[in-house]
Amino acid sequence: MFALDTLLLTSALALTQVESAPCPAFPADPAELIPTGASAVLGVDVDALAQTSTGKALLPALRADLQLAELLEILDDCEISLERTYALTLARDPGDGRLAIVQARGLGTDATLRCLARQLRARNEGLDPWRAEPGTCSTRLAVADGSRAWIINDYTIVWARGAFVAPTGARLEGLEPLALPATLADEFDRLDRSGHLWLAALLDDADRRALPGAWASNTQSLTAAVDLSEGLRAVVSLSAPDVATTATIRELVLATFAELADRLDSYGVEHQLRERARVGIVAGVVAAEIFIDERELRSIRAKIGQRIQGRGLL
């Protein structure tokens, strides 16, 4: 009996010495939390965007979108300002996997979470919007729709749904290494994420149908980097299955730019799009760059924006 007791005690002591996986620090690059399997990732530097002339016009216009209006009203009631949001990262996979990483002043504090719960409860017949679950490295919330949220710190919330719940939780608990999603490795390699907005995406048939322009029909993947510091500068890359299709896409993109220039002419917008737009084939993909300066943007807003006022974000 003594030997058995000693064995049990020794085993218990040994188990207490086993180190659990260390809790990871929140990465400097939030995209490293995105699970492998992601087919599209969008990043927005909201704080920097809000300082640009386009951002100052765009962010208030979000309230014109009916789907966003109620959400923004809730945030206002809880003293979360859209203009004080730091950054936003969104990801999806081809199925039900969805991920959002939101960083905003005061977003993850107890007071804000209580306020958000109260507002959501009032809009949902008194039902609690979430319940707390045990977590090692962060506060975890089980949301009523089956998704999960992790309160990382006073200004960061990570939300996941579907196939992204388990791998996101594993990375946040230190059970999986932090890394950019392997499925988009090539796209991230050719993407500059230093601007205000960026996108990396593998396109499926639904994406191709939704995108404007004939160039989309045979495009396999897309990256876009947008900087709004001095107007609108967009750098885009498009991959295709073979050399011939890549050449065809290049010609279609050139035609799209020419059509856009003609349309700006028809609205009376003075511009230099034809002189500034560049399209070529670099490292096997179509690379395109477009620049519209501040003066041209103001003209577009004045001569085109007023004609489509009230149509969602436009």
Protein backbone atom coordinates (compact mmCIF):
# COMPACT_ATOMS: atom_id res chain seq x y z
CA MET A 1 0.00 0.00 0.00
CA PHE A 2 2.86 2.37 0.90
CA ALA A 3 4.47 1.71 -2.48
CA LEU A 4 1.18 2.44 -4.29
CA ASP A 5 0.67 5.67 -2.34
CA THR A 6 4.22 6.71 -3.11
CA LEU A 7 3.70 6.01 -6.82
CA LEU A 8 0.49 8.04 -6.91
CA LEU A 9 2.13 10.94 -5.07
CA THR A 10 5.16 10.86 -7.37
CA SER A 11 2.90 10.83 -10.43
CA ALA A 12 0.89 13.77 -9.12
CA LEU A 13 4.05 15.76 -8.44
CA ALA A 14 5.38 14.94 -11.89
CA LEU A 15 2.19 16.16 -13.52
CA THR A 16 2.42 19.46 -11.70
CA GLN A 17 5.87 19.98 -13.22
CA VAL A 18 4.63 19.59 -16.80
CA GLU A 19 4.58 23.04 -18.31
CA SER A 20 1.46 23.97 -20.24
CA ALA A 21 1.84 25.75 -23.55
CA PRO A 22 2.84 29.37 -22.87
CA CYS A 23 0.22 31.98 -23.67
CA PRO A 24 1.32 33.84 -26.80
CA ALA A 25 1.65 37.60 -26.80
CA PHE A 26 -0.76 39.22 -29.19
CA PRO A 27 1.20 39.36 -32.46
CA ALA A 28 2.37 42.61 -33.97
CA ASP A 29 0.83 41.24 -37.15
CA PRO A 30 -2.81 40.20 -36.47
CA ALA A 31 -2.83 38.26 -39.74
CA GLU A 32 -0.70 35.62 -38.00
CA LEU A 33 -3.83 34.57 -36.10
CA ILE A 34 -5.64 33.64 -39.31
CA PRO A 35 -5.97 29.85 -39.64
CA THR A 36 -4.54 27.85 -42.49
CA GLY A 37 -7.37 27.30 -44.93
CA ALA A 38 -8.27 30.97 -45.29
CA SER A 39 -9.20 31.91 -48.85
CA ALA A 40 -9.48 35.67 -48.37
CA VAL A 41 -8.06 38.19 -45.90
CA LEU A 42 -8.81 41.92 -45.71
CA GLY A 43 -6.88 44.36 -43.54
CA VAL A 44 -7.75 47.99 -42.79
CA ASP A 45 -5.66 50.50 -40.85
CA VAL A 46 -8.74 52.39 -39.68
CA ASP A 47 -6.83 54.87 -37.53
CA ALA A 48 -4.63 55.99 -40.42
CA LEU A 49 -7.55 55.89 -42.87
CA ALA A 50 -9.56 58.24 -40.66
CA GLN A 51 -6.84 60.89 -41.05
CA THR A 52 -7.12 61.01 -44.85
CA SER A 53 -9.59 63.12 -46.79
CA THR A 54 -11.17 59.97 -48.22
CA GLY A 55 -11.47 58.42 -44.77
CA LYS A 56 -13.07 61.56 -43.37
CA ALA A 57 -15.70 61.30 -46.09
CA LEU A 58 -16.08 57.52 -46.02
CA LEU A 59 -16.42 56.72 -42.31
CA PRO A 60 -19.44 59.00 -41.69
CA ALA A 61 -21.00 57.67 -44.91
CA LEU A 62 -21.04 54.15 -43.44
CA ARG A 63 -24.06 55.24 -41.45
CA ALA A 64 -26.04 55.46 -44.68
CA ASP A 65 -25.82 51.67 -45.02
CA LEU A 66 -28.90 50.21 -43.34
CA GLN A 67 -27.12 46.98 -42.37
CA LEU A 68 -24.38 48.89 -40.57
CA ALA A 69 -26.55 51.62 -39.06
CA GLU A 70 -27.87 49.55 -36.13
CA LEU A 71 -24.42 48.17 -35.29
CA LEU A 72 -22.93 51.67 -35.30
CA GLU A 73 -25.79 52.88 -33.10
CA ILE A 74 -24.96 50.18 -30.54
CA LEU A 75 -21.28 51.15 -30.62
CA ASP A 76 -22.20 54.81 -30.16
CA ASP A 77 -24.36 53.97 -27.13
CA CYS A 78 -21.37 52.15 -25.61
CA GLU A 79 -19.02 55.06 -26.38
CA ILE A 80 -17.06 53.15 -29.01
CA SER A 81 -16.20 55.56 -31.79
CA LEU A 82 -15.73 54.24 -35.30
CA GLU A 83 -13.17 56.96 -35.87
CA ARG A 84 -11.18 55.70 -32.87
CA THR A 85 -10.97 52.16 -34.17
CA TYR A 86 -7.33 51.21 -34.63
CA ALA A 87 -7.42 48.31 -37.08
CA LEU A 88 -9.66 45.67 -38.57
CA THR A 89 -8.70 42.29 -40.04
CA LEU A 90 -11.28 40.01 -41.66
CA ALA A 91 -10.85 36.49 -43.07
CA ARG A 92 -12.95 33.70 -44.51
CA ASP A 93 -12.59 30.25 -46.01
CA PRO A 94 -14.64 28.69 -48.84
CA GLY A 95 -17.05 27.19 -46.29
CA ASP A 96 -18.43 28.61 -43.06
CA GLY A 97 -15.13 29.77 -41.55
CA ARG A 98 -15.15 33.45 -40.66
CA LEU A 99 -12.77 35.55 -38.54
CA ALA A 100 -12.68 39.17 -37.40
CA ILE A 101 -9.98 40.88 -35.36
CA VAL A 102 -11.11 44.29 -34.15
CA GLN A 103 -8.90 46.75 -32.29
CA ALA A 104 -10.55 49.87 -30.89
CA ARG A 105 -10.10 52.07 -27.86
CA GLY A 106 -11.87 50.57 -24.85
CA LEU A 107 -13.50 47.79 -26.86
CA GLY A 108 -12.43 44.94 -24.55
CA THR A 109 -12.99 46.57 -21.16
CA ASP A 110 -15.50 45.12 -18.70
CA ALA A 111 -17.61 48.29 -18.88
CA THR A 112 -17.85 48.11 -22.66
CA LEU A 113 -18.69 44.42 -22.67
CA ARG A 114 -21.45 44.97 -20.10
CA CYS A 115 -22.84 47.80 -22.21
CA LEU A 116 -22.73 45.77 -25.43
CA ALA A 117 -24.46 42.85 -23.71
CA ARG A 118 -27.15 45.17 -22.37
CA GLN A 119 -27.78 46.74 -25.79
CA LEU A 120 -27.91 43.37 -27.56
CA ARG A 121 -30.15 41.89 -24.87
CA ALA A 122 -32.61 44.75 -25.31
CA ARG A 123 -32.75 44.08 -29.05
CA ASN A 124 -33.16 40.31 -28.69
CA GLU A 125 -36.14 39.85 -26.35
CA GLY A 126 -33.97 39.76 -23.25
CA LEU A 127 -31.81 36.82 -24.34
CA ASP A 128 -28.17 36.91 -23.31
CA PRO A 129 -25.92 37.45 -26.35
CA TRP A 130 -23.12 35.27 -24.95
CA ARG A 131 -21.86 33.30 -21.98
CA ALA A 132 -18.37 33.17 -20.55
CA GLU A 133 -16.33 29.98 -21.00
CA PRO A 134 -13.12 28.93 -19.22
CA GLY A 135 -10.00 29.97 -21.08
CA THR A 136 -6.34 29.75 -20.17
CA CYS A 137 -4.93 32.75 -21.99
CA SER A 138 -7.92 35.06 -22.48
CA THR A 139 -11.57 35.56 -21.65
CA ARG A 140 -13.63 33.48 -24.07
CA LEU A 141 -17.27 34.13 -24.92
CA ALA A 142 -19.65 31.59 -26.44
CA VAL A 143 -21.94 33.68 -28.63
CA ALA A 144 -25.59 32.71 -29.03
CA ASP A 145 -25.19 31.97 -32.75
CA GLY A 146 -22.49 29.35 -32.08
CA SER A 147 -19.51 31.57 -32.79
CA ARG A 148 -16.79 32.40 -30.27
CA ALA A 149 -15.11 35.62 -29.17
CA TRP A 150 -11.86 36.11 -27.26
CA ILE A 151 -11.15 39.25 -25.24
CA ILE A 152 -7.41 39.65 -25.74
CA ASN A 153 -6.91 42.98 -23.97
CA ASP A 154 -8.70 46.27 -23.34
CA TYR A 155 -8.73 47.14 -27.03
CA THR A 156 -8.72 43.83 -28.95
CA ILE A 157 -11.46 41.30 -29.62
CA VAL A 158 -11.06 38.24 -31.85
CA TRP A 159 -14.25 36.64 -33.20
CA ALA A 160 -14.51 33.35 -35.13
CA ARG A 161 -17.28 31.23 -36.58
CA GLY A 162 -17.60 27.80 -38.15
CA ALA A 163 -14.41 26.03 -39.17
CA PHE A 164 -12.28 28.88 -37.82
CA VAL A 165 -13.35 28.50 -34.17
CA ALA A 166 -11.09 25.57 -33.21
CA PRO A 167 -7.86 26.67 -34.97
CA THR A 168 -8.26 30.27 -33.80
CA GLY A 169 -8.68 29.08 -30.23
CA ALA A 170 -5.62 26.85 -30.60
CA ARG A 171 -3.44 29.77 -31.71
CA LEU A 172 -4.72 32.03 -28.95
CA GLU A 173 -4.05 29.33 -26.34
CA GLY A 174 -0.50 28.74 -27.60
CA LEU A 175 -1.30 25.27 -28.96
CA GLU A 176 -0.55 26.25 -32.58
CA PRO A 177 2.27 28.48 -33.82
CA LEU A 178 1.43 31.95 -35.06
CA ALA A 179 1.92 32.24 -38.82
CA LEU A 180 0.37 33.74 -41.91
CA PRO A 181 -2.18 31.41 -43.54
CA ALA A 182 -0.30 28.91 -45.72
CA THR A 183 -3.09 28.81 -48.29
CA LEU A 184 -2.33 32.44 -49.18
CA ALA A 185 1.47 32.27 -48.95
CA ASP A 186 2.05 33.32 -52.57
CA GLU A 187 -0.45 36.15 -52.31
CA PHE A 188 1.10 37.54 -49.11
CA ASP A 189 4.55 37.34 -50.72
CA ARG A 190 3.51 39.75 -53.45
CA LEU A 191 1.43 42.06 -51.23
CA ASP A 192 2.51 45.36 -49.67
CA ARG A 193 0.54 45.77 -46.44
CA SER A 194 1.98 49.13 -45.38
CA GLY A 195 -0.95 51.18 -46.75
CA HIS A 196 -4.45 51.86 -45.49
CA LEU A 197 -6.20 48.83 -46.95
CA TRP A 198 -5.07 45.50 -48.38
CA LEU A 199 -6.64 42.32 -49.68
CA ALA A 200 -5.36 38.83 -50.49
CA ALA A 201 -7.84 36.39 -51.98
CA LEU A 202 -8.20 33.11 -53.84
CA LEU A 203 -11.17 33.53 -56.14
CA ASP A 204 -13.99 31.02 -56.56
CA ASP A 205 -16.73 31.11 -59.20
CA ALA A 206 -18.99 33.28 -57.04
CA ASP A 207 -16.19 35.81 -56.55
CA ARG A 208 -15.48 35.93 -60.27
CA ARG A 209 -19.15 36.58 -61.05
CA ALA A 210 -19.30 39.35 -58.45
CA LEU A 211 -16.21 41.21 -59.65
CA PRO A 212 -16.66 43.81 -62.39
CA GLY A 213 -14.72 43.44 -65.60
CA ALA A 214 -14.06 40.61 -68.02
CA TRP A 215 -10.58 40.11 -66.51
CA ALA A 216 -12.12 38.38 -63.47
CA SER A 217 -13.50 35.36 -65.32
CA ASN A 218 -10.16 33.50 -65.46
CA THR A 219 -8.33 35.06 -62.51
CA GLN A 220 -7.22 32.59 -59.83
CA SER A 221 -6.09 34.97 -57.11
CA LEU A 222 -6.09 38.67 -56.41
CA THR A 223 -4.11 41.02 -54.20
CA ALA A 224 -4.75 44.73 -53.74
CA ALA A 225 -2.97 47.39 -51.70
CA VAL A 226 -4.52 50.84 -51.36
CA ASP A 227 -2.87 53.98 -50.01
CA LEU A 228 -4.95 57.13 -49.59
CA SER A 229 -2.30 59.50 -48.24
CA GLU A 230 -2.13 61.72 -51.34
CA GLY A 231 -5.23 60.66 -53.20
CA LEU A 232 -5.83 57.07 -54.26
CA ARG A 233 -2.95 54.78 -55.13
CA ALA A 234 -3.89 51.15 -55.75
CA VAL A 235 -1.50 48.33 -56.63
CA VAL A 236 -3.15 45.11 -57.80
CA SER A 237 -1.83 41.70 -58.81
CA LEU A 238 -3.77 38.97 -60.60
CA SER A 239 -2.67 35.37 -61.08
CA ALA A 240 -3.85 33.02 -63.81
CA PRO A 241 -3.45 29.29 -64.57
CA ASP A 242 -1.11 29.70 -67.54
CA VAL A 243 0.95 32.14 -69.58
CA ALA A 244 -1.64 32.63 -72.31
CA THR A 245 -4.40 33.45 -69.83
CA THR A 246 -2.07 35.83 -67.99
CA ALA A 247 -1.46 37.74 -71.23
CA THR A 248 -5.20 37.86 -71.92
CA ILE A 249 -5.92 39.23 -68.43
CA ARG A 250 -3.31 41.93 -68.97
CA GLU A 251 -5.10 43.10 -72.12
CA LEU A 252 -8.48 43.02 -70.36
CA VAL A 253 -7.15 45.12 -67.48
CA LEU A 254 -5.78 47.65 -69.95
CA ALA A 255 -9.21 47.79 -71.57
CA THR A 256 -10.84 48.27 -68.17
CA PHE A 257 -8.60 51.25 -67.40
CA ALA A 258 -9.37 52.75 -70.82
CA GLU A 259 -13.09 52.33 -70.19
CA LEU A 260 -12.77 53.95 -66.77
CA ALA A 261 -10.90 56.91 -68.26
CA ASP A 262 -13.63 57.34 -70.90
CA ARG A 263 -16.29 57.25 -68.20
CA LEU A 264 -14.52 59.94 -66.16
CA ASP A 265 -14.34 62.03 -69.34
CA SER A 266 -18.09 61.65 -69.83
CA TYR A 267 -18.74 63.00 -66.33
CA GLY A 268 -16.50 66.00 -66.96
CA VAL A 269 -13.77 64.92 -64.54
CA GLU A 270 -10.33 66.25 -65.42
CA HIS A 271 -7.81 63.49 -64.81
CA GLN A 272 -4.51 61.92 -65.86
CA LEU A 273 -5.54 58.30 -65.51
CA ARG A 274 -4.29 57.35 -68.97
CA GLU A 275 -0.84 58.75 -68.23
CA ARG A 276 -0.54 57.30 -64.72
CA ALA A 277 -2.06 53.83 -65.02
CA ARG A 278 0.47 51.05 -65.49
CA VAL A 279 -0.13 47.40 -66.36
CA GLY A 280 2.43 44.66 -66.97
CA ILE A 281 3.42 41.09 -66.23
CA VAL A 282 5.85 40.71 -63.32
CA ALA A 283 7.07 37.37 -61.95
CA GLY A 284 4.34 35.55 -63.84
CA VAL A 285 1.37 37.60 -62.62
CA VAL A 286 -0.42 40.65 -63.95
CA ALA A 287 0.60 43.74 -61.99
CA ALA A 288 -1.39 46.96 -62.26
CA GLU A 289 -1.06 50.35 -60.59
CA ILE A 290 -3.42 53.31 -60.65
CA PHE A 291 -3.07 56.76 -59.09
CA ILE A 292 -5.70 59.46 -58.72
CA ASP A 293 -4.59 62.61 -56.90
CA GLU A 294 -6.56 64.60 -54.32
CA ARG A 295 -7.79 67.15 -56.82
CA GLU A 296 -9.13 64.42 -59.09
CA LEU A 297 -10.79 62.67 -56.14
CA ARG A 298 -12.56 65.89 -55.14
CA SER A 299 -13.77 66.28 -58.69
CA ILE A 300 -15.04 62.69 -58.76
CA ARG A 301 -16.92 63.22 -55.48
CA ALA A 302 -18.46 66.45 -56.74
CA LYS A 303 -19.42 65.33 -60.25
CA ILE A 304 -20.18 61.65 -59.74
CA GLY A 305 -20.85 61.17 -56.03
CA GLN A 306 -23.83 63.53 -56.03
CA ARG A 307 -25.52 61.46 -58.74
CA ILE A 308 -25.39 58.24 -56.73
CA GLN A 309 -26.04 59.72 -53.28
CA GLY A 310 -27.92 57.41 -50.94
CA ARG A 311 -26.81 54.16 -52.60
CA GLY A 312 -25.18 52.41 -49.69
CA LEU A 313 -21.54 53.34 -49.06
CA LEU A 314 -21.39 55.36 -52.29
